[in-house]
């Protein structure tokens, strides 16, 4: 998109036609966001109205002076005199999720979700090791066959766990096996995903989780943890029935 804007801005400059790009500063409450993140993502999004207002403001500007620009919706409406951005909030009072594709260089307002402001090294305590030990018995041949990848979860500060679902069927914090995909997130986010309180796709889109490696393989994470969560609940229920 960026290259198209720059190229067409120059191509049509002599015809007094302006070509610009616009991107949202936050998640926008669309059907795609609802599908990816459900109600939680919708509540932490702005309405499409902010994009419409920003686009209109850009379209009525002088194309001989305003062309070849890369714009952010909230910056455009602010330039037009809008001071109350809360009017665009899909669920006022809920922290906003910053748009994933803007990256870390774009300043994150205080009203945004603190979880969205991704920072490696946040600690939720020492329960990760205990949680991993519960997962180890669940590395069955069936789950390995369905997953068949090596992935790592990097919590920062040297804490990294490797799930070898391809060869060894192990979970270890000292495995040097090269991972097909690595997930970077805080322990808090990881626990939410494990408990089913947050979808991995939603965590990725809101910037709470970063991915390095094969994105297609990364999509298996949601199904894997769903299977493990089901097996853990079944084992817990079986123990309660025995007692």
Protein backbone atom coordinates (compact mmCIF):
# COMPACT_ATOMS: atom_id res chain seq x y z
CA UNK A 1 0.00 0.00 0.00
CA UNK A 2 2.80 2.41 0.86
CA UNK A 3 4.52 1.98 -2.48
CA UNK A 4 1.20 2.42 -4.32
CA UNK A 5 0.53 5.70 -2.50
CA UNK A 6 3.97 7.09 -3.28
CA UNK A 7 3.87 5.95 -6.90
CA UNK A 8 0.35 7.14 -7.68
CA UNK A 9 0.84 10.43 -5.84
CA UNK A 10 3.60 11.28 -8.30
CA UNK A 11 1.81 9.80 -11.29
CA UNK A 12 -1.33 11.90 -10.78
CA UNK A 13 0.28 15.05 -9.35
CA UNK A 14 0.09 16.88 -12.70
CA UNK A 15 -3.62 16.06 -12.88
CA UNK A 16 -4.17 17.68 -9.45
CA UNK A 17 -5.30 14.38 -7.97
CA UNK A 18 -4.15 13.64 -4.44
CA UNK A 19 -3.32 10.10 -3.27
CA UNK A 20 -2.92 9.46 0.46
CA UNK A 21 -3.11 6.55 2.90
CA UNK A 22 -4.90 6.29 6.22
CA UNK A 23 -4.50 3.83 9.08
CA UNK A 24 -6.29 3.53 12.44
CA UNK A 25 -4.44 4.21 15.67
CA UNK A 26 -6.53 1.62 17.48
CA UNK A 27 -8.49 -1.49 16.66
CA UNK A 28 -11.70 -0.65 14.80
CA UNK A 29 -14.99 -2.36 15.69
CA UNK A 30 -15.61 -4.31 12.50
CA UNK A 31 -16.90 -7.80 11.76
CA UNK A 32 -13.29 -8.95 11.29
CA UNK A 33 -12.32 -7.76 14.79
CA UNK A 34 -15.39 -9.43 16.28
CA UNK A 35 -14.48 -12.69 14.56
CA UNK A 36 -10.86 -12.53 15.73
CA UNK A 37 -11.21 -11.24 19.27
CA UNK A 38 -14.88 -11.45 20.23
CA UNK A 39 -16.55 -9.01 22.63
CA UNK A 40 -13.33 -8.12 24.46
CA UNK A 41 -11.67 -6.84 21.29
CA UNK A 42 -14.85 -5.06 20.17
CA UNK A 43 -15.12 -3.30 23.52
CA UNK A 44 -11.52 -2.07 23.29
CA UNK A 45 -12.00 -0.71 19.76
CA UNK A 46 -13.14 2.56 18.24
CA UNK A 47 -16.12 2.76 15.89
CA UNK A 48 -15.61 3.04 12.12
CA UNK A 49 -16.88 6.63 12.39
CA UNK A 50 -13.39 7.91 13.22
CA UNK A 51 -12.05 6.44 9.99
CA UNK A 52 -14.96 7.94 8.02
CA UNK A 53 -14.45 11.40 9.53
CA UNK A 54 -10.71 11.27 8.93
CA UNK A 55 -11.16 10.08 5.34
CA UNK A 56 -13.65 12.87 4.61
CA UNK A 57 -11.28 15.47 6.04
CA UNK A 58 -8.49 14.17 3.81
CA UNK A 59 -10.67 14.07 0.69
CA UNK A 60 -11.69 17.74 0.92
CA UNK A 61 -8.12 19.02 1.32
CA UNK A 62 -6.32 20.69 -1.56
CA UNK A 63 -4.84 17.80 -3.61
CA UNK A 64 -2.10 20.06 -4.97
CA UNK A 65 -0.74 20.52 -1.46
CA UNK A 66 -1.86 17.34 0.29
CA UNK A 67 -0.71 14.20 -1.49
CA UNK A 68 1.66 11.31 -0.85
CA UNK A 69 0.96 11.29 2.89
CA UNK A 70 0.62 8.42 5.35
CA UNK A 71 -1.99 9.44 7.91
CA UNK A 72 -3.35 8.19 11.24
CA UNK A 73 -7.08 8.61 11.85
CA UNK A 74 -6.86 10.25 15.29
CA UNK A 75 -4.20 12.69 14.11
CA UNK A 76 -6.32 13.84 11.17
CA UNK A 77 -9.50 14.43 13.20
CA UNK A 78 -7.44 16.20 15.87
CA UNK A 79 -5.99 18.50 13.22
CA UNK A 80 -9.59 19.25 12.16
CA UNK A 81 -10.41 20.45 15.66
CA UNK A 82 -11.91 17.34 17.25
CA UNK A 83 -10.97 17.29 20.93
CA UNK A 84 -13.30 14.56 22.22
CA UNK A 85 -11.97 11.27 20.87
CA UNK A 86 -14.08 9.40 23.42
CA UNK A 87 -17.09 9.88 21.13
CA UNK A 88 -15.53 7.28 18.84
CA UNK A 89 -15.05 4.68 21.59
CA UNK A 90 -17.12 1.56 20.96
CA UNK A 91 -17.36 0.92 24.72
CA UNK A 92 -16.41 4.06 26.71
CA UNK A 93 -14.40 3.33 29.83
CA UNK A 94 -12.71 0.21 28.42
CA UNK A 95 -8.96 0.59 27.67
CA UNK A 96 -8.32 0.81 23.94
CA UNK A 97 -6.20 -1.72 22.07
CA UNK A 98 -3.53 -0.07 19.90
CA UNK A 99 -3.44 -1.13 16.27
CA UNK A 100 -0.93 -3.95 15.81
CA UNK A 101 0.47 -2.84 12.46
CA UNK A 102 1.64 0.61 13.57
CA UNK A 103 4.45 -0.95 15.59
CA UNK A 104 6.24 0.23 18.70
CA UNK A 105 7.33 3.57 17.21
CA UNK A 106 3.83 5.06 17.43
CA UNK A 107 3.19 6.65 20.85
CA UNK A 108 0.62 4.81 22.96
CA UNK A 109 -1.80 7.13 24.84
CA UNK A 110 -2.40 6.44 28.51
CA UNK A 111 -6.01 5.47 27.75
CA UNK A 112 -4.83 2.48 25.76
CA UNK A 113 -4.73 -1.00 27.19
CA UNK A 114 -1.64 -1.55 29.31
CA UNK A 115 -1.51 -5.12 28.01
CA UNK A 116 -1.34 -3.78 24.49
CA UNK A 117 1.81 -1.86 25.35
CA UNK A 118 3.94 -4.96 24.84
CA UNK A 119 6.93 -5.26 27.11
CA UNK A 120 9.02 -8.36 27.61
CA UNK A 121 9.95 -9.29 31.12
CA UNK A 122 6.64 -8.75 32.92
CA UNK A 123 6.36 -11.41 35.58
CA UNK A 124 3.22 -13.06 36.89
CA UNK A 125 5.02 -15.10 39.51
CA UNK A 126 6.76 -18.46 39.49
CA UNK A 127 3.77 -20.58 38.49
CA UNK A 128 4.82 -21.10 34.87
CA UNK A 129 7.10 -24.02 35.73
CA UNK A 130 4.29 -25.74 37.63
CA UNK A 131 1.92 -25.17 34.73
CA UNK A 132 4.39 -26.64 32.26
CA UNK A 133 4.77 -29.73 34.43
CA UNK A 134 1.01 -30.30 34.11
CA UNK A 135 1.29 -30.08 30.33
CA UNK A 136 4.06 -32.67 29.97
CA UNK A 137 1.81 -35.74 30.48
CA UNK A 138 -0.51 -34.34 27.81
CA UNK A 139 2.08 -34.59 25.04
CA UNK A 140 0.37 -37.65 23.62
CA UNK A 141 1.15 -39.18 20.19
CA UNK A 142 -2.28 -37.98 19.04
CA UNK A 143 -1.60 -34.33 19.88
CA UNK A 144 1.92 -34.54 18.47
CA UNK A 145 0.63 -35.97 15.19
CA UNK A 146 -1.94 -33.18 14.82
CA UNK A 147 0.53 -30.40 15.69
CA UNK A 148 3.90 -31.66 14.39
CA UNK A 149 5.89 -28.48 15.07
CA UNK A 150 8.49 -27.16 17.46
CA UNK A 151 7.45 -23.88 19.03
CA UNK A 152 8.89 -21.74 21.78
CA UNK A 153 7.27 -19.32 24.22
CA UNK A 154 9.63 -16.48 25.13
CA UNK A 155 8.72 -14.56 28.28
CA UNK A 156 11.85 -12.41 28.17
CA UNK A 157 14.72 -12.06 30.64
CA UNK A 158 16.08 -15.43 29.57
CA UNK A 159 12.92 -17.39 30.32
CA UNK A 160 12.02 -19.44 27.27
CA UNK A 161 10.11 -22.71 27.04
CA UNK A 162 10.31 -25.03 24.04
CA UNK A 163 7.47 -27.38 23.07
CA UNK A 164 8.84 -30.13 20.82
CA UNK A 165 5.69 -31.51 19.23
CA UNK A 166 7.57 -32.91 16.25
CA UNK A 167 10.26 -35.29 17.50
CA UNK A 168 10.69 -35.66 21.26
CA UNK A 169 7.32 -34.81 22.77
CA UNK A 170 8.93 -32.66 25.45
CA UNK A 171 8.45 -29.30 27.17
CA UNK A 172 11.67 -27.79 28.46
CA UNK A 173 13.21 -24.48 29.49
CA UNK A 174 16.71 -25.60 28.41
CA UNK A 175 16.05 -27.11 24.98
CA UNK A 176 18.21 -25.63 22.20
CA UNK A 177 16.13 -27.20 19.40
CA UNK A 178 15.43 -24.61 16.71
CA UNK A 179 11.77 -23.61 16.85
CA UNK A 180 9.54 -23.38 13.79
CA UNK A 181 7.80 -20.46 15.46
CA UNK A 182 8.46 -18.40 18.58
CA UNK A 183 5.78 -16.55 20.56
CA UNK A 184 6.83 -13.55 22.62
CA UNK A 185 4.43 -12.56 25.38
CA UNK A 186 4.20 -11.88 29.08
CA UNK A 187 3.35 -14.61 31.54
CA UNK A 188 0.03 -12.88 32.26
CA UNK A 189 -1.00 -13.11 28.60
CA UNK A 190 0.15 -16.74 28.36
CA UNK A 191 -1.94 -17.72 31.37
CA UNK A 192 -5.00 -15.97 29.91
CA UNK A 193 -4.58 -17.92 26.67
CA UNK A 194 -4.19 -21.20 28.55
CA UNK A 195 -7.31 -20.54 30.61
CA UNK A 196 -9.28 -19.64 27.51
CA UNK A 197 -9.79 -16.05 28.66
CA UNK A 198 -7.97 -14.69 25.60
CA UNK A 199 -7.68 -16.06 22.08
CA UNK A 200 -4.16 -16.19 20.68
CA UNK A 201 -5.35 -14.45 17.50
CA UNK A 202 -6.78 -11.65 19.60
CA UNK A 203 -3.53 -11.38 21.57
CA UNK A 204 -1.58 -11.17 18.30
CA UNK A 205 -3.84 -8.55 16.70
CA UNK A 206 -3.85 -6.36 19.81
CA UNK A 207 -0.06 -6.45 20.16
CA UNK A 208 -0.05 -8.49 23.37
CA UNK A 209 1.80 -11.29 21.59
CA UNK A 210 4.50 -11.17 18.92
CA UNK A 211 5.35 -13.97 16.52
CA UNK A 212 8.63 -14.89 14.87
CA UNK A 213 8.79 -17.63 12.27
CA UNK A 214 6.15 -19.50 10.29
CA UNK A 215 2.81 -17.71 10.71
CA UNK A 216 0.85 -20.62 9.24
CA UNK A 217 2.28 -22.95 11.86
CA UNK A 218 1.54 -20.34 14.54
CA UNK A 219 -2.16 -20.72 13.82
CA UNK A 220 -2.01 -24.20 15.36
CA UNK A 221 -1.43 -22.71 18.82
CA UNK A 222 -5.11 -22.04 19.54
CA UNK A 223 -6.14 -25.60 18.73
CA UNK A 224 -3.23 -27.09 20.69
CA UNK A 225 -3.98 -25.25 23.92
CA UNK A 226 -7.70 -25.94 23.53
CA UNK A 227 -6.92 -29.67 23.41
CA UNK A 228 -4.61 -29.42 26.40
CA UNK A 229 -7.13 -27.37 28.37
CA UNK A 230 -9.82 -29.97 27.68
CA UNK A 231 -7.55 -32.81 28.79
CA UNK A 232 -6.60 -30.96 31.98
CA UNK A 233 -10.26 -30.33 32.82
CA UNK A 234 -11.10 -33.98 32.17
CA UNK A 235 -8.31 -35.16 34.47
CA UNK A 236 -9.43 -32.71 37.15
CA UNK A 237 -13.03 -33.91 36.87
CA UNK A 238 -11.96 -37.55 37.04
CA UNK A 239 -9.98 -36.92 40.25
CA UNK A 240 -12.95 -35.15 41.84
CA UNK A 241 -15.22 -38.09 40.99
CA UNK A 242 -12.80 -40.53 42.61
CA UNK A 243 -12.70 -38.50 45.81
